């Protein structure tokens, strides 16, 4: 469950929604951004929307921390120099 907001209303009545959540664990921080279109009829009486009713769904996950830093692949020249210089 993510809390979000309506960021725009299109001329055809569709709502542009966006939700952002930041999650931190094990020295790793991830930013989760969800964006999509929703029909006003798909919003429940509790002001909720099911993920299956969101069209043009965009989901972005951006991470920063020790896991991403370790798995980030450097260019071949830098990797070669690290192997030579680090003993």
PDB file of N, CA and C in Angstrom:
ATOM      1  N   UNK A   1       0.846  -1.180   0.000  1.00  0.00           N
ATOM      2  CA  UNK A   1       0.000   0.000   0.000  1.00  0.00           C
ATOM      3  C   UNK A   1       0.885   1.234   0.000  1.00  0.00           C
ATOM      4  N   UNK A   2       0.631   2.112  -0.939  1.00  0.00           N
ATOM      5  CA  UNK A   2       1.372   3.367  -1.033  1.00  0.00           C
ATOM      6  C   UNK A   2       0.392   4.526  -0.957  1.00  0.00           C
ATOM      7  N   UNK A   3       0.772   5.568  -0.270  1.00  0.00           N
ATOM      8  CA  UNK A   3      -0.010   6.797  -0.278  1.00  0.00           C
ATOM      9  C   UNK A   3       0.447   7.671  -1.421  1.00  0.00           C
ATOM     10  N   UNK A   4      -0.483   8.238  -2.140  1.00  0.00           N
ATOM     11  CA  UNK A   4      -0.117   9.060  -3.279  1.00  0.00           C
ATOM     12  C   UNK A   4      -1.039  10.246  -3.415  1.00  0.00           C
ATOM     13  N   UNK A   5      -0.926  10.890  -4.558  1.00  0.00           N
ATOM     14  CA  UNK A   5      -1.735  12.075  -4.798  1.00  0.00           C
ATOM     15  C   UNK A   5      -2.033  12.206  -6.283  1.00  0.00           C
ATOM     16  N   UNK A   6      -3.065  12.975  -6.584  1.00  0.00           N
ATOM     17  CA  UNK A   6      -3.388  13.324  -7.961  1.00  0.00           C
ATOM     18  C   UNK A   6      -2.528  14.525  -8.321  1.00  0.00           C
ATOM     19  N   UNK A   7      -1.711  14.388  -9.370  1.00  0.00           N
ATOM     20  CA  UNK A   7      -0.817  15.476  -9.752  1.00  0.00           C
ATOM     21  C   UNK A   7      -1.320  16.244 -10.973  1.00  0.00           C
ATOM     22  N   UNK A   8      -2.313  15.660 -11.679  1.00  0.00           N
ATOM     23  CA  UNK A   8      -2.851  16.349 -12.852  1.00  0.00           C
ATOM     24  C   UNK A   8      -4.174  15.702 -13.233  1.00  0.00           C
ATOM     25  N   UNK A   9      -5.023  16.465 -13.883  1.00  0.00           N
ATOM     26  CA  UNK A   9      -6.274  15.948 -14.443  1.00  0.00           C
ATOM     27  C   UNK A   9      -6.232  16.223 -15.936  1.00  0.00           C
ATOM     28  N   UNK A  10      -6.342  15.155 -16.747  1.00  0.00           N
ATOM     29  CA  UNK A  10      -6.283  15.292 -18.194  1.00  0.00           C
ATOM     30  C   UNK A  10      -7.624  15.781 -18.737  1.00  0.00           C
ATOM     31  N   UNK A  11      -7.632  16.348 -19.940  1.00  0.00           N
ATOM     32  CA  UNK A  11      -8.882  16.847 -20.522  1.00  0.00           C
ATOM     33  C   UNK A  11      -9.988  15.791 -20.641  1.00  0.00           C
ATOM     34  N   UNK A  12      -9.612  14.522 -20.777  1.00  0.00           N
ATOM     35  CA  UNK A  12     -10.605  13.449 -20.875  1.00  0.00           C
ATOM     36  C   UNK A  12     -11.100  12.974 -19.511  1.00  0.00           C
ATOM     37  N   UNK A  13     -10.652  13.601 -18.431  1.00  0.00           N
ATOM     38  CA  UNK A  13     -11.104  13.266 -17.086  1.00  0.00           C
ATOM     39  C   UNK A  13     -10.223  12.271 -16.347  1.00  0.00           C
ATOM     40  N   UNK A  14      -9.262  11.672 -17.037  1.00  0.00           N
ATOM     41  CA  UNK A  14      -8.347  10.730 -16.382  1.00  0.00           C
ATOM     42  C   UNK A  14      -7.471  11.490 -15.384  1.00  0.00           C
ATOM     43  N   UNK A  15      -7.153  10.815 -14.277  1.00  0.00           N
ATOM     44  CA  UNK A  15      -6.329  11.403 -13.232  1.00  0.00           C
ATOM     45  C   UNK A  15      -4.906  10.865 -13.328  1.00  0.00           C
ATOM     46  N   UNK A  16      -3.938  11.740 -13.261  1.00  0.00           N
ATOM     47  CA  UNK A  16      -2.536  11.335 -13.211  1.00  0.00           C
ATOM     48  C   UNK A  16      -2.177  11.257 -11.731  1.00  0.00           C
ATOM     49  N   UNK A  17      -1.790  10.058 -11.294  1.00  0.00           N
ATOM     50  CA  UNK A  17      -1.454   9.862  -9.884  1.00  0.00           C
ATOM     51  C   UNK A  17       0.034   9.585  -9.736  1.00  0.00           C
ATOM     52  N   UNK A  18       0.542   9.894  -8.546  1.00  0.00           N
ATOM     53  CA  UNK A  18       1.950   9.619  -8.248  1.00  0.00           C
ATOM     54  C   UNK A  18       2.082   9.292  -6.774  1.00  0.00           C
ATOM     55  N   UNK A  19       2.886   8.278  -6.488  1.00  0.00           N
ATOM     56  CA  UNK A  19       3.189   7.894  -5.107  1.00  0.00           C
ATOM     57  C   UNK A  19       4.688   7.687  -5.002  1.00  0.00           C
ATOM     58  N   UNK A  20       5.263   8.168  -3.907  1.00  0.00           N
ATOM     59  CA  UNK A  20       6.706   8.032  -3.683  1.00  0.00           C
ATOM     60  C   UNK A  20       6.917   7.505  -2.273  1.00  0.00           C
ATOM     61  N   UNK A  21       7.793   6.515  -2.142  1.00  0.00           N
ATOM     62  CA  UNK A  21       8.135   5.984  -0.828  1.00  0.00           C
ATOM     63  C   UNK A  21       9.631   5.723  -0.784  1.00  0.00           C
ATOM     64  N   UNK A  22      10.245   6.091   0.325  1.00  0.00           N
ATOM     65  CA  UNK A  22      11.667   5.821   0.534  1.00  0.00           C
ATOM     66  C   UNK A  22      11.792   4.730   1.584  1.00  0.00           C
ATOM     67  N   UNK A  23      12.568   3.706   1.251  1.00  0.00           N
ATOM     68  CA  UNK A  23      12.758   2.573   2.147  1.00  0.00           C
ATOM     69  C   UNK A  23      14.252   2.444   2.432  1.00  0.00           C
ATOM     70  N   UNK A  24      14.615   2.310   3.701  1.00  0.00           N
ATOM     71  CA  UNK A  24      16.017   2.157   4.081  1.00  0.00           C
ATOM     72  C   UNK A  24      16.189   0.880   4.895  1.00  0.00           C
ATOM     73  N   UNK A  25      17.205   0.086   4.528  1.00  0.00           N
ATOM     74  CA  UNK A  25      17.543  -1.121   5.272  1.00  0.00           C
ATOM     75  C   UNK A  25      18.962  -1.550   4.911  1.00  0.00           C
ATOM     76  N   UNK A  26      19.668  -2.112   5.881  1.00  0.00           N
ATOM     77  CA  UNK A  26      21.029  -2.631   5.673  1.00  0.00           C
ATOM     78  C   UNK A  26      21.938  -1.645   4.948  1.00  0.00           C
ATOM     79  N   UNK A  27      21.974  -0.426   5.388  1.00  0.00           N
ATOM     80  CA  UNK A  27      22.803   0.626   4.796  1.00  0.00           C
ATOM     81  C   UNK A  27      22.485   0.835   3.313  1.00  0.00           C
ATOM     82  N   UNK A  28      21.263   0.535   2.928  1.00  0.00           N
ATOM     83  CA  UNK A  28      20.792   0.678   1.554  1.00  0.00           C
ATOM     84  C   UNK A  28      19.518   1.519   1.581  1.00  0.00           C
ATOM     85  N   UNK A  29      19.420   2.493   0.715  1.00  0.00           N
ATOM     86  CA  UNK A  29      18.227   3.330   0.624  1.00  0.00           C
ATOM     87  C   UNK A  29      17.651   3.184  -0.776  1.00  0.00           C
ATOM     88  N   UNK A  30      16.353   2.907  -0.848  1.00  0.00           N
ATOM     89  CA  UNK A  30      15.690   2.798  -2.140  1.00  0.00           C
ATOM     90  C   UNK A  30      14.531   3.775  -2.195  1.00  0.00           C
ATOM     91  N   UNK A  31      14.407   4.448  -3.318  1.00  0.00           N
ATOM     92  CA  UNK A  31      13.302   5.347  -3.569  1.00  0.00           C
ATOM     93  C   UNK A  31      12.399   4.675  -4.589  1.00  0.00           C
ATOM     94  N   UNK A  32      11.139   4.475  -4.235  1.00  0.00           N
ATOM     95  CA  UNK A  32      10.175   3.829  -5.113  1.00  0.00           C
ATOM     96  C   UNK A  32       9.195   4.897  -5.580  1.00  0.00           C
ATOM     97  N   UNK A  33       9.087   5.055  -6.889  1.00  0.00           N
ATOM     98  CA  UNK A  33       8.182   6.054  -7.457  1.00  0.00           C
ATOM     99  C   UNK A  33       7.215   5.348  -8.407  1.00  0.00           C
ATOM    100  N   UNK A  34       5.933   5.519  -8.149  1.00  0.00           N
ATOM    101  CA  UNK A  34       4.880   4.929  -8.970  1.00  0.00           C
ATOM    102  C   UNK A  34       4.094   6.071  -9.595  1.00  0.00           C
ATOM    103  N   UNK A  35       3.805   5.943 -10.882  1.00  0.00           N
ATOM    104  CA  UNK A  35       3.056   6.975 -11.592  1.00  0.00           C
ATOM    105  C   UNK A  35       2.172   6.302 -12.625  1.00  0.00           C
ATOM    106  N   UNK A  36       0.951   6.807 -12.805  1.00  0.00           N
ATOM    107  CA  UNK A  36       0.055   6.222 -13.788  1.00  0.00           C
ATOM    108  C   UNK A  36      -1.236   7.001 -13.926  1.00  0.00           C
ATOM    109  N   UNK A  37      -2.145   6.441 -14.736  1.00  0.00           N
ATOM    110  CA  UNK A  37      -3.435   7.060 -15.004  1.00  0.00           C
ATOM    111  C   UNK A  37      -4.544   6.234 -14.367  1.00  0.00           C
ATOM    112  N   UNK A  38      -5.537   6.928 -13.826  1.00  0.00           N
ATOM    113  CA  UNK A  38      -6.662   6.265 -13.159  1.00  0.00           C
ATOM    114  C   UNK A  38      -7.955   6.946 -13.596  1.00  0.00           C
ATOM    115  N   UNK A  39      -8.987   6.144 -13.844  1.00  0.00           N
ATOM    116  CA  UNK A  39     -10.317   6.697 -14.100  1.00  0.00           C
ATOM    117  C   UNK A  39     -10.942   7.076 -12.767  1.00  0.00           C
ATOM    118  N   UNK A  40     -11.658   8.175 -12.693  1.00  0.00           N
ATOM    119  CA  UNK A  40     -12.311   8.558 -11.436  1.00  0.00           C
ATOM    120  C   UNK A  40     -13.260   7.470 -10.915  1.00  0.00           C
ATOM    121  N   UNK A  41     -13.863   6.689 -11.810  1.00  0.00           N
ATOM    122  CA  UNK A  41     -14.780   5.614 -11.412  1.00  0.00           C
ATOM    123  C   UNK A  41     -14.063   4.475 -10.680  1.00  0.00           C
ATOM    124  N   UNK A  42     -12.754   4.360 -10.868  1.00  0.00           N
ATOM    125  CA  UNK A  42     -11.990   3.275 -10.236  1.00  0.00           C
ATOM    126  C   UNK A  42     -11.548   3.604  -8.815  1.00  0.00           C
ATOM    127  N   UNK A  43     -11.846   4.793  -8.335  1.00  0.00           N
ATOM    128  CA  UNK A  43     -11.483   5.182  -6.966  1.00  0.00           C
ATOM    129  C   UNK A  43     -12.602   4.722  -6.040  1.00  0.00           C
ATOM    130  N   UNK A  44     -12.247   3.944  -5.017  1.00  0.00           N
ATOM    131  CA  UNK A  44     -13.235   3.389  -4.095  1.00  0.00           C
ATOM    132  C   UNK A  44     -13.737   4.452  -3.116  1.00  0.00           C
ATOM    133  N   UNK A  45     -14.753   4.094  -2.350  1.00  0.00           N
ATOM    134  CA  UNK A  45     -15.300   5.000  -1.332  1.00  0.00           C
ATOM    135  C   UNK A  45     -14.263   5.317  -0.257  1.00  0.00           C
ATOM    136  N   UNK A  46     -13.257   4.447  -0.078  1.00  0.00           N
ATOM    137  CA  UNK A  46     -12.188   4.667   0.892  1.00  0.00           C
ATOM    138  C   UNK A  46     -11.039   5.483   0.284  1.00  0.00           C
ATOM    139  N   UNK A  47     -11.271   6.024  -0.928  1.00  0.00           N
ATOM    140  CA  UNK A  47     -10.273   6.826  -1.629  1.00  0.00           C
ATOM    141  C   UNK A  47      -9.036   5.996  -1.969  1.00  0.00           C
ATOM    142  N   UNK A  48      -9.260   4.749  -2.382  1.00  0.00           N
ATOM    143  CA  UNK A  48      -8.177   3.833  -2.737  1.00  0.00           C
ATOM    144  C   UNK A  48      -8.334   3.373  -4.177  1.00  0.00           C
ATOM    145  N   UNK A  49      -7.207   2.997  -4.774  1.00  0.00           N
ATOM    146  CA  UNK A  49      -7.177   2.511  -6.147  1.00  0.00           C
ATOM    147  C   UNK A  49      -6.413   1.194  -6.166  1.00  0.00           C
ATOM    148  N   UNK A  50      -6.965   0.189  -6.800  1.00  0.00           N
ATOM    149  CA  UNK A  50      -6.245  -1.075  -6.958  1.00  0.00           C
ATOM    150  C   UNK A  50      -5.172  -0.920  -8.033  1.00  0.00           C
ATOM    151  N   UNK A  51      -4.063  -1.580  -7.854  1.00  0.00           N
ATOM    152  CA  UNK A  51      -2.978  -1.466  -8.832  1.00  0.00           C
ATOM    153  C   UNK A  51      -3.396  -1.994 -10.197  1.00  0.00           C
ATOM    154  N   UNK A  52      -4.369  -2.905 -10.228  1.00  0.00           N
ATOM    155  CA  UNK A  52      -4.821  -3.467 -11.503  1.00  0.00           C
ATOM    156  C   UNK A  52      -5.644  -2.473 -12.323  1.00  0.00           C
ATOM    157  N   UNK A  53      -6.072  -1.366 -11.713  1.00  0.00           N
ATOM    158  CA  UNK A  53      -6.861  -0.371 -12.443  1.00  0.00           C
ATOM    159  C   UNK A  53      -6.025   0.826 -12.889  1.00  0.00           C
ATOM    160  N   UNK A  54      -4.732   0.794 -12.622  1.00  0.00           N
ATOM    161  CA  UNK A  54      -3.844   1.886 -13.036  1.00  0.00           C
ATOM    162  C   UNK A  54      -3.329   1.576 -14.439  1.00  0.00           C
ATOM    163  N   UNK A  55      -3.547   2.515 -15.366  1.00  0.00           N
ATOM    164  CA  UNK A  55      -3.048   2.325 -16.729  1.00  0.00           C
ATOM    165  C   UNK A  55      -1.781   3.146 -16.921  1.00  0.00           C
ATOM    166  N   UNK A  56      -1.039   2.803 -17.970  1.00  0.00           N
ATOM    167  CA  UNK A  56       0.238   3.473 -18.260  1.00  0.00           C
ATOM    168  C   UNK A  56       1.104   3.558 -17.016  1.00  0.00           C
ATOM    169  N   UNK A  57       1.154   2.466 -16.286  1.00  0.00           N
ATOM    170  CA  UNK A  57       1.875   2.418 -15.015  1.00  0.00           C
ATOM    171  C   UNK A  57       3.379   2.515 -15.243  1.00  0.00           C
ATOM    172  N   UNK A  58       4.012   3.407 -14.509  1.00  0.00           N
ATOM    173  CA  UNK A  58       5.466   3.536 -14.506  1.00  0.00           C
ATOM    174  C   UNK A  58       5.930   3.285 -13.082  1.00  0.00           C
ATOM    175  N   UNK A  59       6.882   2.388 -12.918  1.00  0.00           N
ATOM    176  CA  UNK A  59       7.433   2.093 -11.608  1.00  0.00           C
ATOM    177  C   UNK A  59       8.936   2.255 -11.695  1.00  0.00           C
ATOM    178  N   UNK A  60       9.468   3.116 -10.853  1.00  0.00           N
ATOM    179  CA  UNK A  60      10.904   3.388 -10.844  1.00  0.00           C
ATOM    180  C   UNK A  60      11.449   3.091  -9.452  1.00  0.00           C
ATOM    181  N   UNK A  61      12.515   2.323  -9.407  1.00  0.00           N
ATOM    182  CA  UNK A  61      13.183   2.022  -8.145  1.00  0.00           C
ATOM    183  C   UNK A  61      14.632   2.465  -8.290  1.00  0.00           C
ATOM    184  N   UNK A  62      15.024   3.392  -7.431  1.00  0.00           N
ATOM    185  CA  UNK A  62      16.380   3.927  -7.466  1.00  0.00           C
ATOM    186  C   UNK A  62      17.021   3.632  -6.120  1.00  0.00           C
ATOM    187  N   UNK A  63      18.201   3.018  -6.148  1.00  0.00           N
ATOM    188  CA  UNK A  63      18.858   2.654  -4.906  1.00  0.00           C
ATOM    189  C   UNK A  63      20.189   3.346  -4.730  1.00  0.00           C
ATOM    190  N   UNK A  64      20.561   3.489  -3.468  1.00  0.00           N
ATOM    191  CA  UNK A  64      21.867   4.061  -3.140  1.00  0.00           C
ATOM    192  C   UNK A  64      22.341   3.415  -1.847  1.00  0.00           C
ATOM    193  N   UNK A  65      23.598   3.045  -1.821  1.00  0.00           N
ATOM    194  CA  UNK A  65      24.148   2.435  -0.623  1.00  0.00           C
ATOM    195  C   UNK A  65      25.186   1.392  -0.962  1.00  0.00           C
ATOM    196  N   UNK A  66      25.524   0.589   0.028  1.00  0.00           N
ATOM    197  CA  UNK A  66      26.638  -0.346  -0.154  1.00  0.00           C
ATOM    198  C   UNK A  66      26.335  -1.422  -1.183  1.00  0.00           C
ATOM    199  N   UNK A  67      25.094  -1.853  -1.298  1.00  0.00           N
ATOM    200  CA  UNK A  67      24.776  -2.904  -2.271  1.00  0.00           C
ATOM    201  C   UNK A  67      24.923  -2.361  -3.680  1.00  0.00           C
ATOM    202  N   UNK A  68      24.336  -1.211  -3.962  1.00  0.00           N
ATOM    203  CA  UNK A  68      24.452  -0.616  -5.290  1.00  0.00           C
ATOM    204  C   UNK A  68      25.887  -0.236  -5.603  1.00  0.00           C
ATOM    205  N   UNK A  69      26.613   0.308  -4.637  1.00  0.00           N
ATOM    206  CA  UNK A  69      27.996   0.693  -4.868  1.00  0.00           C
ATOM    207  C   UNK A  69      28.846  -0.523  -5.210  1.00  0.00           C
ATOM    208  N   UNK A  70      28.572  -1.668  -4.578  1.00  0.00           N
ATOM    209  CA  UNK A  70      29.353  -2.876  -4.820  1.00  0.00           C
ATOM    210  C   UNK A  70      29.008  -3.500  -6.168  1.00  0.00           C
ATOM    211  N   UNK A  71      27.724  -3.478  -6.543  1.00  0.00           N
ATOM    212  CA  UNK A  71      27.298  -4.137  -7.776  1.00  0.00           C
ATOM    213  C   UNK A  71      27.430  -3.244  -8.999  1.00  0.00           C
ATOM    214  N   UNK A  72      27.693  -1.957  -8.807  1.00  0.00           N
ATOM    215  CA  UNK A  72      27.872  -1.055  -9.937  1.00  0.00           C
ATOM    216  C   UNK A  72      29.113  -1.472 -10.701  1.00  0.00           C
ATOM    217  N   UNK A  73      28.962  -1.722 -11.975  1.00  0.00           N
ATOM    218  CA  UNK A  73      30.076  -2.200 -12.791  1.00  0.00           C
ATOM    219  C   UNK A  73      30.808  -1.009 -13.408  1.00  0.00           C
ATOM    220  N   UNK A  74      32.061  -0.875 -13.056  1.00  0.00           N
ATOM    221  CA  UNK A  74      32.881   0.215 -13.595  1.00  0.00           C
ATOM    222  C   UNK A  74      33.299  -0.113 -15.022  1.00  0.00           C
ATOM    223  N   UNK A  75      33.808   0.872 -15.716  1.00  0.00           N
ATOM    224  CA  UNK A  75      34.247   0.620 -17.091  1.00  0.00           C
ATOM    225  C   UNK A  75      35.500  -0.269 -17.071  1.00  0.00           C
ATOM    226  N   UNK A  76      35.776  -0.944 -18.175  1.00  0.00           N
ATOM    227  CA  UNK A  76      36.888  -1.921 -18.213  1.00  0.00           C
ATOM    228  C   UNK A  76      38.256  -1.338 -17.868  1.00  0.00           C
ATOM    229  N   UNK A  77      38.530  -0.101 -18.260  1.00  0.00           N
ATOM    230  CA  UNK A  77      39.825   0.497 -17.970  1.00  0.00           C
ATOM    231  C   UNK A  77      40.026   0.667 -16.466  1.00  0.00           C
ATOM    232  N   UNK A  78      39.015   1.134 -15.773  1.00  0.00           N
ATOM    233  CA  UNK A  78      39.116   1.312 -14.321  1.00  0.00           C
ATOM    234  C   UNK A  78      39.285  -0.047 -13.636  1.00  0.00           C
ATOM    235  N   UNK A  79      38.543  -1.066 -14.072  1.00  0.00           N
ATOM    236  CA  UNK A  79      38.690  -2.413 -13.476  1.00  0.00           C
ATOM    237  C   UNK A  79      40.112  -2.938 -13.693  1.00  0.00           C
ATOM    238  N   UNK A  80      40.675  -2.736 -14.876  1.00  0.00           N
ATOM    239  CA  UNK A  80      42.027  -3.190 -15.177  1.00  0.00           C
ATOM    240  C   UNK A  80      43.046  -2.493 -14.275  1.00  0.00           C
ATOM    241  N   UNK A  81      42.916  -1.173 -14.126  1.00  0.00           N
ATOM    242  CA  UNK A  81      43.836  -0.418 -13.274  1.00  0.00           C
ATOM    243  C   UNK A  81      43.722  -0.840 -11.810  1.00  0.00           C
ATOM    244  N   UNK A  82      42.500  -1.140 -11.354  1.00  0.00           N
ATOM    245  CA  UNK A  82      42.334  -1.604  -9.973  1.00  0.00           C
ATOM    246  C   UNK A  82      43.048  -2.929  -9.748  1.00  0.00           C
ATOM    247  N   UNK A  83      42.989  -3.834 -10.738  1.00  0.00           N
ATOM    248  CA  UNK A  83      43.661  -5.128 -10.580  1.00  0.00           C
ATOM    249  C   UNK A  83      45.181  -4.963 -10.527  1.00  0.00           C
ATOM    250  N   UNK A  84      45.710  -4.026 -11.287  1.00  0.00           N
ATOM    251  CA  UNK A  84      47.155  -3.794 -11.321  1.00  0.00           C
ATOM    252  C   UNK A  84      47.624  -3.077 -10.036  1.00  0.00           C
ATOM    253  N   UNK A  85      46.884  -2.057  -9.625  1.00  0.00           N
ATOM    254  CA  UNK A  85      47.336  -1.205  -8.522  1.00  0.00           C
ATOM    255  C   UNK A  85      47.019  -1.758  -7.154  1.00  0.00           C
ATOM    256  N   UNK A  86      46.003  -2.586  -7.048  1.00  0.00           N
ATOM    257  CA  UNK A  86      45.619  -3.130  -5.735  1.00  0.00           C
ATOM    258  C   UNK A  86      46.263  -4.504  -5.576  1.00  0.00           C
ATOM    259  N   UNK A  87      47.017  -4.674  -4.482  1.00  0.00           N
ATOM    260  CA  UNK A  87      47.679  -5.957  -4.258  1.00  0.00           C
ATOM    261  C   UNK A  87      47.338  -6.516  -2.931  1.00  0.00           C
TER     262      UNK A  87
END
